[in-house]
């Protein structure tokens, strides 16, 4: 099963909109896509990619999500387009764009396989 690793980047300006830095906005982006048999194995794969990541289910401050392909919230994150927010850092924007391209390529490949099977 596929698992999608979503991270949140904090963005804030020293203005009243963001409470002068006290209330930053959290911008979601796709950081990785892994294939694993279980959630625990997916977490281990993510930890190999991002060694400083810690998964805590009871943390009050969550800045990352690991969602299974059949999770009810995954559709929102998968529908984020390329360059969906210009406030993301260039590295995070590039990472998100790469994941979106991989998802689109997998959809095209899946459609191609279905068309071959129907013939």
N, C-alpha and C. Protein backbone atom coordinates (compact mmCIF):
# COMPACT_ATOMS: atom_id res chain seq x y z
N UNK A 1 0.84 -1.17 0.00
CA UNK A 1 0.00 0.00 0.00
C UNK A 1 0.89 1.24 0.00
N UNK A 2 0.41 2.28 -0.65
CA UNK A 2 1.15 3.53 -0.69
C UNK A 2 0.82 4.38 0.53
N UNK A 3 1.83 5.09 1.01
CA UNK A 3 1.67 6.03 2.10
C UNK A 3 2.25 7.36 1.66
N UNK A 4 1.55 8.43 2.01
CA UNK A 4 1.96 9.78 1.64
C UNK A 4 2.40 10.52 2.89
N UNK A 5 3.60 11.06 2.82
CA UNK A 5 4.16 11.80 3.95
C UNK A 5 3.97 13.29 3.68
N UNK A 6 3.16 13.93 4.50
CA UNK A 6 2.85 15.35 4.35
C UNK A 6 3.48 16.10 5.50
N UNK A 7 4.19 17.16 5.17
CA UNK A 7 4.79 18.01 6.19
C UNK A 7 4.14 19.38 6.13
N UNK A 8 4.32 20.13 7.18
CA UNK A 8 3.80 21.49 7.26
C UNK A 8 4.96 22.45 7.46
N UNK A 9 4.98 23.50 6.67
CA UNK A 9 6.00 24.54 6.83
C UNK A 9 5.34 25.74 7.47
N UNK A 10 5.98 26.28 8.47
CA UNK A 10 5.47 27.48 9.14
C UNK A 10 5.83 28.70 8.31
N UNK A 11 4.89 29.62 8.18
CA UNK A 11 5.14 30.87 7.48
C UNK A 11 4.56 32.01 8.31
N UNK A 12 5.35 33.02 8.51
CA UNK A 12 4.89 34.15 9.31
C UNK A 12 5.62 35.42 8.87
N UNK A 13 4.91 36.50 8.97
CA UNK A 13 5.50 37.82 8.76
C UNK A 13 5.28 38.61 10.04
N UNK A 14 6.08 39.60 10.25
CA UNK A 14 5.95 40.41 11.46
C UNK A 14 4.87 41.47 11.25
N UNK A 15 3.63 40.99 11.04
CA UNK A 15 2.50 41.89 10.83
C UNK A 15 1.35 41.46 11.74
N UNK A 16 0.33 42.28 11.79
CA UNK A 16 -0.81 41.97 12.65
C UNK A 16 -1.61 40.77 12.14
N UNK A 17 -1.52 40.46 10.85
CA UNK A 17 -2.23 39.32 10.29
C UNK A 17 -1.76 38.02 10.96
N UNK A 18 -0.48 37.91 11.23
CA UNK A 18 0.10 36.73 11.86
C UNK A 18 0.37 36.95 13.35
N UNK A 19 -0.26 37.94 13.94
CA UNK A 19 -0.06 38.19 15.37
C UNK A 19 1.36 38.60 15.68
N UNK A 20 1.99 39.31 14.76
CA UNK A 20 3.38 39.73 14.89
C UNK A 20 4.30 38.55 15.17
N UNK A 21 4.06 37.46 14.45
CA UNK A 21 4.90 36.28 14.53
C UNK A 21 4.42 35.23 15.50
N UNK A 22 3.39 35.51 16.28
CA UNK A 22 2.91 34.55 17.28
C UNK A 22 2.00 33.48 16.69
N UNK A 23 1.36 33.74 15.55
CA UNK A 23 0.41 32.80 14.95
C UNK A 23 0.81 32.53 13.50
N UNK A 24 1.84 31.72 13.30
CA UNK A 24 2.26 31.45 11.93
C UNK A 24 1.26 30.57 11.20
N UNK A 25 1.22 30.73 9.90
CA UNK A 25 0.37 29.87 9.07
C UNK A 25 1.14 28.60 8.75
N UNK A 26 0.44 27.48 8.67
CA UNK A 26 1.07 26.21 8.35
C UNK A 26 0.66 25.81 6.94
N UNK A 27 1.66 25.67 6.07
CA UNK A 27 1.41 25.36 4.67
C UNK A 27 1.75 23.88 4.42
N UNK A 28 0.78 23.07 4.02
CA UNK A 28 1.07 21.65 3.78
C UNK A 28 1.75 21.43 2.43
N UNK A 29 2.61 20.42 2.38
CA UNK A 29 3.22 20.00 1.12
C UNK A 29 3.56 18.53 1.20
N UNK A 30 3.57 17.87 0.05
CA UNK A 30 3.93 16.46 -0.04
C UNK A 30 5.45 16.35 0.05
N UNK A 31 5.93 15.54 0.99
CA UNK A 31 7.37 15.41 1.17
C UNK A 31 7.91 14.08 0.67
N UNK A 32 7.08 13.03 0.68
CA UNK A 32 7.56 11.72 0.21
C UNK A 32 6.38 10.80 -0.03
N UNK A 33 6.64 9.80 -0.87
CA UNK A 33 5.67 8.73 -1.13
C UNK A 33 6.43 7.43 -0.94
N UNK A 34 5.92 6.57 -0.06
CA UNK A 34 6.57 5.28 0.18
C UNK A 34 5.56 4.17 0.00
N UNK A 35 6.07 3.01 -0.31
CA UNK A 35 5.22 1.82 -0.43
C UNK A 35 5.66 0.84 0.66
N UNK A 36 4.69 0.40 1.47
CA UNK A 36 5.00 -0.50 2.58
C UNK A 36 3.79 -1.36 2.90
N UNK A 37 4.03 -2.42 3.67
CA UNK A 37 2.95 -3.34 4.04
C UNK A 37 2.11 -2.81 5.20
N UNK A 38 2.73 -2.04 6.09
CA UNK A 38 2.01 -1.53 7.25
C UNK A 38 2.45 -0.10 7.55
N UNK A 39 1.71 0.53 8.46
CA UNK A 39 2.03 1.91 8.84
C UNK A 39 3.41 1.97 9.52
N UNK A 40 3.71 1.00 10.35
CA UNK A 40 4.99 0.98 11.05
C UNK A 40 6.16 0.86 10.08
N UNK A 41 6.02 0.01 9.07
CA UNK A 41 7.08 -0.12 8.06
C UNK A 41 7.21 1.15 7.24
N UNK A 42 6.09 1.81 6.97
CA UNK A 42 6.15 3.09 6.25
C UNK A 42 6.86 4.14 7.09
N UNK A 43 6.58 4.16 8.39
CA UNK A 43 7.26 5.10 9.28
C UNK A 43 8.77 4.84 9.29
N UNK A 44 9.16 3.58 9.29
CA UNK A 44 10.59 3.26 9.26
C UNK A 44 11.24 3.72 7.97
N UNK A 45 10.54 3.59 6.85
CA UNK A 45 11.09 4.07 5.58
C UNK A 45 11.23 5.59 5.57
N UNK A 46 10.24 6.28 6.14
CA UNK A 46 10.31 7.74 6.22
C UNK A 46 11.47 8.16 7.11
N UNK A 47 11.70 7.43 8.21
CA UNK A 47 12.81 7.74 9.11
C UNK A 47 14.16 7.56 8.43
N UNK A 48 14.23 6.66 7.46
CA UNK A 48 15.48 6.49 6.71
C UNK A 48 15.70 7.67 5.77
N UNK A 49 14.62 8.23 5.24
CA UNK A 49 14.74 9.38 4.35
C UNK A 49 15.00 10.65 5.16
N UNK A 50 14.24 10.82 6.24
CA UNK A 50 14.35 11.98 7.13
C UNK A 50 14.73 11.49 8.53
N UNK A 51 16.02 11.38 8.84
CA UNK A 51 16.44 10.78 10.12
C UNK A 51 15.94 11.51 11.37
N UNK A 52 15.66 12.79 11.30
CA UNK A 52 15.27 13.53 12.50
C UNK A 52 13.76 13.50 12.78
N UNK A 53 13.01 12.78 11.96
CA UNK A 53 11.55 12.72 12.13
C UNK A 53 11.20 11.78 13.27
N UNK A 54 10.26 12.21 14.09
CA UNK A 54 9.72 11.37 15.17
C UNK A 54 8.21 11.34 15.03
N UNK A 55 7.64 10.16 15.06
CA UNK A 55 6.20 10.02 14.97
C UNK A 55 5.64 9.83 16.37
N UNK A 56 4.85 10.80 16.81
CA UNK A 56 4.22 10.73 18.12
C UNK A 56 2.73 10.96 17.93
N UNK A 57 1.94 9.97 18.24
CA UNK A 57 0.50 10.11 18.03
C UNK A 57 -0.15 11.00 19.07
N UNK A 58 0.47 11.17 20.22
CA UNK A 58 -0.15 11.96 21.28
C UNK A 58 0.45 13.36 21.40
N UNK A 59 1.19 13.81 20.41
CA UNK A 59 1.80 15.14 20.47
C UNK A 59 0.76 16.21 20.19
N UNK A 60 0.72 17.27 21.00
CA UNK A 60 -0.25 18.34 20.74
C UNK A 60 0.14 19.20 19.53
N UNK A 61 1.41 19.17 19.16
CA UNK A 61 1.88 19.95 18.02
C UNK A 61 2.37 18.98 16.95
N UNK A 62 1.55 18.80 15.93
CA UNK A 62 1.89 17.87 14.85
C UNK A 62 2.26 18.69 13.62
N UNK A 63 3.48 18.49 13.13
CA UNK A 63 3.89 19.21 11.93
C UNK A 63 4.11 18.27 10.76
N UNK A 64 3.56 17.03 10.86
CA UNK A 64 3.68 16.07 9.77
C UNK A 64 2.55 15.06 9.87
N UNK A 65 2.25 14.45 8.73
CA UNK A 65 1.22 13.42 8.67
C UNK A 65 1.73 12.30 7.78
N UNK A 66 1.42 11.09 8.14
CA UNK A 66 1.66 9.94 7.28
C UNK A 66 0.31 9.31 7.02
N UNK A 67 -0.17 9.45 5.79
CA UNK A 67 -1.51 9.02 5.45
C UNK A 67 -1.48 7.86 4.47
N UNK A 68 -2.31 6.87 4.72
CA UNK A 68 -2.43 5.73 3.81
C UNK A 68 -3.22 6.15 2.58
N UNK A 69 -3.08 5.38 1.51
CA UNK A 69 -3.75 5.71 0.25
C UNK A 69 -5.27 5.74 0.41
N UNK A 70 -5.82 4.92 1.29
CA UNK A 70 -7.26 4.87 1.48
C UNK A 70 -7.76 5.75 2.63
N UNK A 71 -6.92 6.62 3.15
CA UNK A 71 -7.32 7.52 4.23
C UNK A 71 -8.29 8.57 3.70
N UNK A 72 -9.24 8.97 4.52
CA UNK A 72 -10.27 9.91 4.05
C UNK A 72 -9.74 11.32 3.84
N UNK A 73 -8.60 11.68 4.44
CA UNK A 73 -8.05 13.02 4.30
C UNK A 73 -7.04 13.14 3.16
N UNK A 74 -6.65 12.02 2.56
CA UNK A 74 -5.58 12.05 1.58
C UNK A 74 -5.99 12.79 0.30
N UNK A 75 -7.26 12.80 -0.05
CA UNK A 75 -7.71 13.48 -1.27
C UNK A 75 -7.37 14.97 -1.26
N UNK A 76 -7.51 15.60 -0.12
CA UNK A 76 -7.19 17.03 -0.03
C UNK A 76 -5.73 17.29 -0.40
N UNK A 77 -4.83 16.49 0.14
CA UNK A 77 -3.40 16.71 -0.10
C UNK A 77 -2.99 16.28 -1.50
N UNK A 78 -3.65 15.27 -2.05
CA UNK A 78 -3.29 14.83 -3.40
C UNK A 78 -3.76 15.80 -4.46
N UNK A 79 -4.75 16.63 -4.15
CA UNK A 79 -5.27 17.59 -5.12
C UNK A 79 -4.52 18.91 -5.09
N UNK A 80 -3.50 19.04 -4.26
CA UNK A 80 -2.69 20.25 -4.26
C UNK A 80 -1.89 20.29 -5.56
N UNK A 81 -2.01 21.35 -6.35
CA UNK A 81 -1.32 21.39 -7.64
C UNK A 81 0.16 21.74 -7.51
N UNK A 82 0.86 21.74 -8.62
CA UNK A 82 2.25 22.19 -8.65
C UNK A 82 2.31 23.64 -8.20
N UNK A 83 3.34 23.99 -7.46
CA UNK A 83 3.55 25.37 -6.98
C UNK A 83 2.29 25.94 -6.33
N UNK A 84 1.66 25.16 -5.45
CA UNK A 84 0.38 25.56 -4.89
C UNK A 84 0.48 26.75 -3.94
N UNK A 85 1.66 27.02 -3.39
CA UNK A 85 1.81 28.16 -2.49
C UNK A 85 3.21 28.73 -2.67
N UNK A 86 3.30 29.98 -3.09
CA UNK A 86 4.60 30.59 -3.36
C UNK A 86 5.37 30.91 -2.08
N UNK A 87 4.72 30.78 -0.92
CA UNK A 87 5.41 31.08 0.34
C UNK A 87 6.25 29.90 0.83
N UNK A 88 6.11 28.73 0.20
CA UNK A 88 6.96 27.60 0.55
C UNK A 88 8.40 27.89 0.17
N UNK A 89 9.34 27.34 0.91
CA UNK A 89 10.75 27.52 0.55
C UNK A 89 11.00 26.81 -0.78
N UNK A 90 12.01 27.25 -1.53
CA UNK A 90 12.28 26.63 -2.83
C UNK A 90 12.54 25.12 -2.74
N UNK A 91 13.22 24.67 -1.70
CA UNK A 91 13.49 23.24 -1.56
C UNK A 91 12.19 22.46 -1.31
N UNK A 92 11.33 22.98 -0.46
CA UNK A 92 10.06 22.30 -0.18
C UNK A 92 9.13 22.35 -1.38
N UNK A 93 9.17 23.45 -2.13
CA UNK A 93 8.36 23.56 -3.33
C UNK A 93 8.81 22.53 -4.37
N UNK A 94 10.12 22.37 -4.52
CA UNK A 94 10.66 21.39 -5.47
C UNK A 94 10.28 19.97 -5.06
N UNK A 95 10.35 19.69 -3.76
CA UNK A 95 9.98 18.38 -3.24
C UNK A 95 8.50 18.09 -3.49
N UNK A 96 7.65 19.06 -3.24
CA UNK A 96 6.21 18.91 -3.47
C UNK A 96 5.94 18.68 -4.96
N UNK A 97 6.56 19.46 -5.81
CA UNK A 97 6.35 19.33 -7.26
C UNK A 97 6.78 17.95 -7.76
N UNK A 98 7.88 17.44 -7.22
CA UNK A 98 8.34 16.11 -7.60
C UNK A 98 7.31 15.04 -7.22
N UNK A 99 6.77 15.14 -6.01
CA UNK A 99 5.76 14.16 -5.57
C UNK A 99 4.50 14.24 -6.42
N UNK A 100 4.08 15.46 -6.77
CA UNK A 100 2.89 15.62 -7.61
C UNK A 100 3.12 15.01 -8.98
N UNK A 101 4.32 15.22 -9.54
CA UNK A 101 4.63 14.62 -10.84
C UNK A 101 4.64 13.09 -10.77
N UNK A 102 5.16 12.54 -9.68
CA UNK A 102 5.16 11.08 -9.51
C UNK A 102 3.75 10.53 -9.42
N UNK A 103 2.86 11.23 -8.72
CA UNK A 103 1.47 10.80 -8.60
C UNK A 103 0.79 10.84 -9.96
N UNK A 104 1.02 11.92 -10.71
CA UNK A 104 0.41 12.04 -12.04
C UNK A 104 0.94 10.96 -12.97
N UNK A 105 2.24 10.66 -12.91
CA UNK A 105 2.81 9.61 -13.75
C UNK A 105 2.23 8.25 -13.38
N UNK A 106 2.01 8.01 -12.10
CA UNK A 106 1.41 6.74 -11.68
C UNK A 106 -0.02 6.61 -12.17
N UNK A 107 -0.77 7.73 -12.17
CA UNK A 107 -2.15 7.70 -12.67
C UNK A 107 -2.18 7.40 -14.17
N UNK A 108 -1.27 8.02 -14.92
CA UNK A 108 -1.20 7.78 -16.36
C UNK A 108 -0.84 6.33 -16.63
N UNK A 109 0.15 5.81 -15.88
CA UNK A 109 0.56 4.42 -16.04
C UNK A 109 -0.57 3.46 -15.68
N UNK A 110 -1.32 3.79 -14.62
CA UNK A 110 -2.45 2.95 -14.20
C UNK A 110 -3.56 2.96 -15.26
N UNK A 111 -3.84 4.12 -15.83
CA UNK A 111 -4.84 4.21 -16.90
C UNK A 111 -4.41 3.41 -18.13
N UNK A 112 -3.11 3.47 -18.43
CA UNK A 112 -2.58 2.72 -19.57
C UNK A 112 -2.73 1.22 -19.35
N UNK A 113 -2.44 0.76 -18.13
CA UNK A 113 -2.57 -0.65 -17.82
C UNK A 113 -4.02 -1.11 -17.92
N UNK A 114 -4.95 -0.26 -17.47
CA UNK A 114 -6.37 -0.60 -17.56
C UNK A 114 -6.84 -0.68 -19.00
N UNK A 115 -6.33 0.21 -19.84
CA UNK A 115 -6.73 0.19 -21.26
C UNK A 115 -6.18 -1.06 -21.96
N UNK A 116 -5.00 -1.50 -21.56
CA UNK A 116 -4.43 -2.71 -22.16
C UNK A 116 -5.23 -3.95 -21.73
N UNK A 117 -5.62 -3.98 -20.45
CA UNK A 117 -6.36 -5.12 -19.94
C UNK A 117 -7.76 -5.22 -20.56
N UNK A 118 -8.35 -4.09 -20.93
CA UNK A 118 -9.70 -4.10 -21.49
C UNK A 118 -9.72 -4.54 -22.95
N UNK A 119 -8.56 -4.52 -23.61
CA UNK A 119 -8.49 -4.91 -25.02
C UNK A 119 -8.46 -6.37 -25.19
